[in-house]
Protein backbone atom coordinates (compact mmCIF):
# COMPACT_ATOMS: atom_id res chain seq x y z
CA UNK A 1 27.68 -16.20 1.56
CA UNK A 2 25.96 -18.62 -0.75
CA UNK A 3 22.68 -17.67 -2.04
CA UNK A 4 19.81 -20.17 -2.35
CA UNK A 5 19.23 -20.97 -6.11
CA UNK A 6 15.57 -20.20 -6.89
CA UNK A 7 15.35 -23.17 -9.24
CA UNK A 8 16.58 -25.81 -6.83
CA UNK A 9 15.26 -26.46 -3.43
CA UNK A 10 17.41 -29.51 -2.71
CA UNK A 11 20.85 -27.96 -2.61
CA UNK A 12 21.44 -24.69 -0.85
CA UNK A 13 23.17 -23.06 2.08
CA UNK A 14 20.58 -21.84 4.58
CA UNK A 15 20.27 -18.16 5.23
CA UNK A 16 20.38 -17.01 8.96
CA UNK A 17 16.80 -15.85 8.73
CA UNK A 18 14.35 -17.85 6.73
CA UNK A 19 10.79 -16.43 6.28
CA UNK A 20 7.96 -18.48 7.54
CA UNK A 21 6.57 -18.69 3.97
CA UNK A 22 9.73 -20.33 2.76
CA UNK A 23 9.55 -22.88 5.61
CA UNK A 24 5.92 -23.62 4.50
CA UNK A 25 7.05 -24.23 0.89
CA UNK A 26 9.76 -26.59 2.05
CA UNK A 27 7.24 -28.38 4.22
CA UNK A 28 4.68 -28.88 1.45
CA UNK A 29 7.58 -30.01 -1.09
CA UNK A 30 8.77 -32.51 1.47
CA UNK A 31 5.44 -33.94 2.52
CA UNK A 32 4.10 -34.47 -1.01
CA UNK A 33 5.59 -34.68 -4.44
CA UNK A 34 2.39 -33.32 -5.88
CA UNK A 35 0.92 -30.17 -4.38
CA UNK A 36 -2.88 -30.26 -4.65
CA UNK A 37 -5.23 -27.37 -5.19
CA UNK A 38 -6.94 -28.18 -1.84
CA UNK A 39 -3.54 -27.75 -0.09
CA UNK A 40 -2.94 -24.32 -1.88
CA UNK A 41 -6.33 -22.98 -0.90
CA UNK A 42 -6.33 -23.97 2.70
CA UNK A 43 -5.43 -21.12 5.17
CA UNK A 44 -2.66 -21.74 7.63
CA UNK A 45 -1.44 -20.14 10.90
CA UNK A 46 1.29 -18.52 8.91
CA UNK A 47 -1.44 -16.47 6.94
CA UNK A 48 -2.89 -15.21 10.20
CA UNK A 49 0.53 -14.27 11.52
CA UNK A 50 1.42 -12.40 8.52
CA UNK A 51 -1.86 -10.47 8.71
CA UNK A 52 -1.28 -9.53 12.32
CA UNK A 53 2.33 -8.26 11.59
CA UNK A 54 1.03 -6.14 8.78
CA UNK A 55 -1.70 -4.74 10.86
CA UNK A 56 0.59 -3.83 13.68
CA UNK A 57 3.06 -2.08 11.51
CA UNK A 58 0.25 -0.09 9.81
CA UNK A 59 -1.10 1.22 13.16
CA UNK A 60 2.21 2.83 14.07
CA UNK A 61 2.70 4.23 10.61
CA UNK A 62 -0.70 5.97 10.19
CA UNK A 63 -0.54 7.77 13.52
CA UNK A 64 2.91 9.22 12.78
CA UNK A 65 2.57 10.31 9.17
CA UNK A 66 -1.17 11.48 8.89
CA UNK A 67 -0.31 15.24 9.28
CA UNK A 68 2.27 15.05 6.43
CA UNK A 69 -0.17 13.21 4.34
CA UNK A 70 -2.81 15.89 4.71
CA UNK A 71 -0.38 18.53 3.60
CA UNK A 72 0.36 16.50 0.43
CA UNK A 73 -3.33 16.02 -0.20
CA UNK A 74 -3.91 19.72 -0.19
CA UNK A 75 -0.93 20.32 -2.63
CA UNK A 76 -2.36 17.59 -5.01
CA UNK A 77 -5.99 18.99 -4.78
CA UNK A 78 -5.21 22.67 -5.18
CA UNK A 79 -1.78 22.67 -6.88
CA UNK A 80 -0.22 24.92 -4.09
CA UNK A 81 3.21 24.96 -2.50
CA UNK A 82 3.80 23.21 0.77
CA UNK A 83 3.93 26.54 2.66
CA UNK A 84 0.54 27.54 1.44
CA UNK A 85 -0.92 24.12 2.34
CA UNK A 86 0.73 24.34 5.91
CA UNK A 87 -0.80 27.82 6.30
CA UNK A 88 -4.32 26.62 5.37
CA UNK A 89 -4.07 23.74 7.85
CA UNK A 90 -2.76 26.18 10.48
CA UNK A 91 -5.71 28.49 10.07
CA UNK A 92 -8.13 25.58 10.33
CA UNK A 93 -6.71 24.65 13.67
CA UNK A 94 -5.60 21.44 15.51
CA UNK A 95 -9.07 20.22 15.87
CA UNK A 96 -9.36 19.72 12.12
CA UNK A 97 -5.74 18.47 11.64
CA UNK A 98 -6.59 14.82 12.37
CA UNK A 99 -10.05 15.15 10.66
CA UNK A 100 -10.55 12.04 8.44
CA UNK A 101 -7.99 9.95 10.18
CA UNK A 102 -10.45 7.09 10.85
CA UNK A 103 -10.77 5.94 7.22
CA UNK A 104 -6.92 5.67 6.59
CA UNK A 105 -6.47 4.18 10.04
CA UNK A 106 -8.99 1.44 9.03
CA UNK A 107 -7.98 1.31 5.45
CA UNK A 108 -4.21 1.25 5.93
CA UNK A 109 -4.22 -1.28 8.74
CA UNK A 110 -6.36 -3.74 6.78
CA UNK A 111 -4.59 -2.75 3.49
CA UNK A 112 -1.11 -3.57 4.80
CA UNK A 113 -2.35 -6.66 6.51
CA UNK A 114 -3.94 -7.89 3.19
CA UNK A 115 -0.89 -6.81 1.20
CA UNK A 116 1.70 -8.74 3.19
CA UNK A 117 -0.43 -11.90 4.07
CA UNK A 118 -2.13 -12.25 0.64
CA UNK A 119 1.15 -11.55 -1.11
CA UNK A 120 3.30 -13.99 0.96
CA UNK A 121 0.53 -16.66 0.95
CA UNK A 122 -0.12 -16.43 -2.80
CA UNK A 123 3.65 -16.34 -3.65
CA UNK A 124 4.32 -19.37 -1.51
CA UNK A 125 1.50 -21.42 -2.92
CA UNK A 126 2.12 -20.44 -6.53
CA UNK A 127 5.80 -21.08 -6.21
CA UNK A 128 5.01 -24.64 -4.92
CA UNK A 129 2.57 -25.18 -7.69
CA UNK A 130 4.40 -23.78 -10.71
CA UNK A 131 8.07 -23.78 -9.73
CA UNK A 132 8.37 -20.40 -11.32
CA UNK A 133 9.38 -17.84 -8.58
CA UNK A 134 9.35 -14.75 -10.86
CA UNK A 135 5.95 -15.55 -12.34
CA UNK A 136 4.62 -16.30 -8.83
CA UNK A 137 5.93 -12.93 -7.53
CA UNK A 138 4.23 -11.08 -10.42
CA UNK A 139 0.81 -12.80 -10.02
CA UNK A 140 0.91 -12.53 -6.16
CA UNK A 141 1.73 -8.84 -6.18
CA UNK A 142 -1.03 -7.91 -8.50
CA UNK A 143 -3.48 -10.22 -6.88
CA UNK A 144 -2.76 -8.68 -3.47
CA UNK A 145 -3.19 -5.23 -5.04
CA UNK A 146 -6.56 -6.22 -6.42
CA UNK A 147 -7.66 -7.57 -3.08
CA UNK A 148 -6.55 -4.33 -1.34
CA UNK A 149 -8.84 -2.44 -3.63
CA UNK A 150 -11.85 -3.97 -1.90
CA UNK A 151 -11.14 -1.40 0.81
CA UNK A 152 -11.34 1.59 -1.63
CA UNK A 153 -14.57 3.10 -0.07
CA UNK A 154 -12.43 4.17 3.08
CA UNK A 155 -9.96 5.91 0.75
CA UNK A 156 -12.89 7.51 -1.03
CA UNK A 157 -14.30 8.91 2.02
CA UNK A 158 -10.98 10.17 3.27
CA UNK A 159 -10.56 12.10 -0.03
CA UNK A 160 -13.93 13.85 0.73
CA UNK A 161 -13.20 14.68 4.39
CA UNK A 162 -9.81 16.09 3.41
CA UNK A 163 -11.30 18.46 0.85
CA UNK A 164 -12.13 21.82 2.41
CA UNK A 165 -15.11 22.26 -0.01
CA UNK A 166 -16.92 19.36 2.00
CA UNK A 167 -16.07 20.56 5.60
CA UNK A 168 -19.54 21.82 6.06
CA UNK A 169 -21.22 18.96 4.25
CA UNK A 170 -19.94 16.06 6.14
CA UNK A 171 -19.51 15.94 9.94
CA UNK A 172 -17.48 12.65 10.20
CA UNK A 173 -16.76 9.33 8.40
CA UNK A 174 -20.20 7.74 9.14
CA UNK A 175 -21.94 10.87 7.94
CA UNK A 176 -20.09 10.78 4.56
CA UNK A 177 -20.76 7.07 4.20
CA UNK A 178 -24.50 7.60 4.88
CA UNK A 179 -24.68 10.39 2.33
CA UNK A 180 -22.86 8.54 -0.43
CA UNK A 181 -24.84 5.28 0.06
CA UNK A 182 -28.35 7.08 0.52
CA UNK A 183 -27.99 9.35 -2.39
CA UNK A 184 -25.75 7.55 -4.93
CA UNK A 185 -25.34 3.90 -3.90
CA UNK A 186 -22.46 1.57 -3.31
CA UNK A 187 -21.01 2.22 -6.79
CA UNK A 188 -20.18 5.86 -5.66
CA UNK A 189 -17.87 4.49 -3.10
CA UNK A 190 -15.63 2.94 -5.90
CA UNK A 191 -15.24 5.94 -7.96
CA UNK A 192 -11.61 6.07 -9.15
CA UNK A 193 -11.09 2.32 -8.92
CA UNK A 194 -8.86 1.93 -11.97
CA UNK A 195 -5.97 4.05 -10.97
CA UNK A 196 -6.04 2.43 -7.49
CA UNK A 197 -5.77 -1.12 -9.06
CA UNK A 198 -2.99 0.05 -11.25
CA UNK A 199 -1.20 1.77 -8.42
CA UNK A 200 -1.58 -1.17 -5.99
CA UNK A 201 -0.40 -3.90 -8.23
CA UNK A 202 2.54 -2.13 -9.74
CA UNK A 203 3.66 -0.77 -6.39
CA UNK A 204 3.49 -4.06 -4.70
CA UNK A 205 5.55 -5.65 -7.43
CA UNK A 206 8.22 -3.03 -7.23
CA UNK A 207 8.32 -2.97 -3.49
CA UNK A 208 8.60 -6.71 -2.87
CA UNK A 209 11.11 -7.19 -5.56
CA UNK A 210 13.39 -4.52 -4.34
CA UNK A 211 12.78 -5.64 -0.68
CA UNK A 212 13.99 -9.21 -1.61
CA UNK A 213 16.94 -7.90 -3.37
CA UNK A 214 17.93 -5.68 -0.36
CA UNK A 215 17.63 -8.71 2.03
CA UNK A 216 20.21 -10.52 -0.22
CA UNK A 217 22.54 -7.66 -0.14
CA UNK A 218 22.34 -6.94 3.58
CA UNK A 219 22.39 -10.74 4.40
CA UNK A 220 22.88 -11.56 8.08
CA UNK A 221 23.75 -8.00 8.88
CA UNK A 222 20.10 -7.01 9.01
CA UNK A 223 19.05 -4.93 12.04
CA UNK A 224 16.18 -2.73 12.86
CA UNK A 225 17.99 0.21 11.60
CA UNK A 226 19.02 -1.46 8.29
CA UNK A 227 15.46 -2.65 7.86
CA UNK A 228 14.24 0.94 8.38
CA UNK A 229 16.65 2.48 5.94
CA UNK A 230 16.02 -0.19 3.13
CA UNK A 231 12.20 0.05 3.63
CA UNK A 232 12.44 3.87 3.59
CA UNK A 233 14.59 3.98 0.33
CA UNK A 234 12.37 1.44 -1.38
CA UNK A 235 8.99 2.89 -0.23
CA UNK A 236 10.19 6.39 -1.20
CA UNK A 237 11.23 5.32 -4.65
CA UNK A 238 8.05 3.30 -5.19
CA UNK A 239 5.75 5.96 -4.21
CA UNK A 240 7.48 8.60 -6.35
CA UNK A 241 7.37 6.45 -9.39
CA UNK A 242 3.65 5.86 -9.24
CA UNK A 243 2.74 9.24 -7.70
CA UNK A 244 0.74 10.39 -10.76
CA UNK A 245 -1.73 7.59 -10.15
CA UNK A 246 -2.71 9.29 -6.88
CA UNK A 247 -3.17 12.65 -8.67
CA UNK A 248 -5.56 11.00 -11.18
CA UNK A 249 -7.39 9.13 -8.29
CA UNK A 250 -7.91 12.34 -6.32
CA UNK A 251 -9.05 14.23 -9.45
CA UNK A 252 -11.72 11.47 -10.01
CA UNK A 253 -12.75 11.14 -6.27
CA UNK A 254 -13.05 14.87 -5.43
CA UNK A 255 -16.46 14.71 -7.34
CA UNK A 256 -19.71 13.35 -6.09
CA UNK A 257 -22.42 12.08 -8.41
CA UNK A 258 -22.57 12.33 -12.20
CA UNK A 259 -21.01 10.06 -14.74
CA UNK A 260 -17.99 7.98 -13.96
CA UNK A 261 -14.94 9.25 -15.85
CA UNK A 262 -12.74 6.84 -17.74
CA UNK A 263 -9.20 6.57 -16.61
CA UNK A 264 -8.04 8.13 -20.02
CA UNK A 265 -10.55 10.98 -19.75
CA UNK A 266 -9.33 11.83 -16.16
CA UNK A 267 -5.71 11.75 -17.44
CA UNK A 268 -6.52 14.14 -20.18
CA UNK A 269 -8.43 16.54 -17.99
CA UNK A 270 -5.61 16.71 -15.43
CA UNK A 271 -3.13 17.17 -18.28
CA UNK A 272 -5.10 20.12 -19.76
CA UNK A 273 -6.05 21.82 -16.43
CA UNK A 274 -2.29 21.75 -15.33
CA UNK A 275 -0.97 23.55 -18.52
CA UNK A 276 0.01 20.32 -20.24
CA UNK A 277 2.98 19.90 -17.92
CA UNK A 278 4.36 16.51 -16.67
CA UNK A 279 5.88 18.39 -13.76
CA UNK A 280 2.32 19.31 -12.56
CA UNK A 281 1.70 15.63 -12.04
CA UNK A 282 4.36 15.64 -9.36
CA UNK A 283 3.01 18.76 -7.47
CA UNK A 284 3.72 17.64 -3.75
CA UNK A 285 6.14 14.81 -4.64
CA UNK A 286 8.78 16.11 -2.26
CA UNK A 287 6.60 15.91 0.81
CA UNK A 288 5.20 12.60 -0.57
CA UNK A 289 8.70 11.16 -0.72
CA UNK A 290 9.57 12.44 2.85
CA UNK A 291 6.38 10.87 4.10
CA UNK A 292 6.84 7.61 2.26
CA UNK A 293 10.54 7.54 3.41
CA UNK A 294 9.35 7.76 7.01
CA UNK A 295 6.34 5.64 6.54
CA UNK A 296 7.89 2.63 4.75
CA UNK A 297 10.91 2.85 6.94
CA UNK A 298 8.63 2.39 9.96
CA UNK A 299 6.48 -0.18 8.21
CA UNK A 300 9.43 -2.39 7.10
CA UNK A 301 11.33 -2.21 10.45
CA UNK A 302 8.11 -2.79 12.55
CA UNK A 303 6.95 -5.57 10.28
CA UNK A 304 10.17 -7.58 10.43
CA UNK A 305 10.35 -6.80 14.19
CA UNK A 306 6.87 -8.18 14.69
CA UNK A 307 7.60 -11.15 12.54
CA UNK A 308 10.59 -11.96 14.84
CA UNK A 309 8.17 -12.09 17.79
CA UNK A 310 5.04 -13.57 16.18
CA UNK A 311 6.73 -16.34 14.32
CA UNK A 312 8.86 -17.55 17.29
């Protein structure tokens, strides 16, 4: 099967499934020899559709994987084995198992919607403007990651609600937000911002790069199952590589009030507190890989499935 040359949009053999963003680029190139800034900034129906597909895929994912995520959180926070974390949650009961799910449900649905829609929209426009696909992909991935970071307060509150030390302090999500805002202000909701920006941008770039490569390899044999497998492998790999960023983020966000730690200081503190062991930065990584394997498999398959419906 002939692959479309990235540097030439006039001679290619069309793939069986062409994304809506690629169609939009072709349309802009065909309609005008010069792409204006106004054209690039104008939102289109494809941007909305990408947002909807990301949102739908996220809803399915969060509901299925939240219990696994909570076990991983306990391992990261207290550096305990998975069996100990499971026993802790078992003693707390089913009523507390889904405690804190509202923030990730809101955050993940919006985050994935932004991730897919902002990335695809930015990449499409930048490619049309610069004609440099690789540069466009790098900028779009990091830009999408930066925009996702706006939702960080939801992730911040989730950290506090999952921490057993705050079980008696906060009743629910609104109560935690009310406390942070009234006692410490909006800035407290963005504690740990730097590792989140690093994690989002680098993870997006890795995920979308490998995802594009997998589509070229699979070609017209893509099915719901193959989309699940490719998404699972890519997501598991990506989350494992950047797992230490979550360790540093949780270390920073498990505190309320006081001075904001610099990224380098937090990294040093975790390094010292965990006996100067690189392995300690990966405490809980096995369950994280399992969760990411399932999570990104579901997301990738659901996203492509929804695109097949929404973009009809």
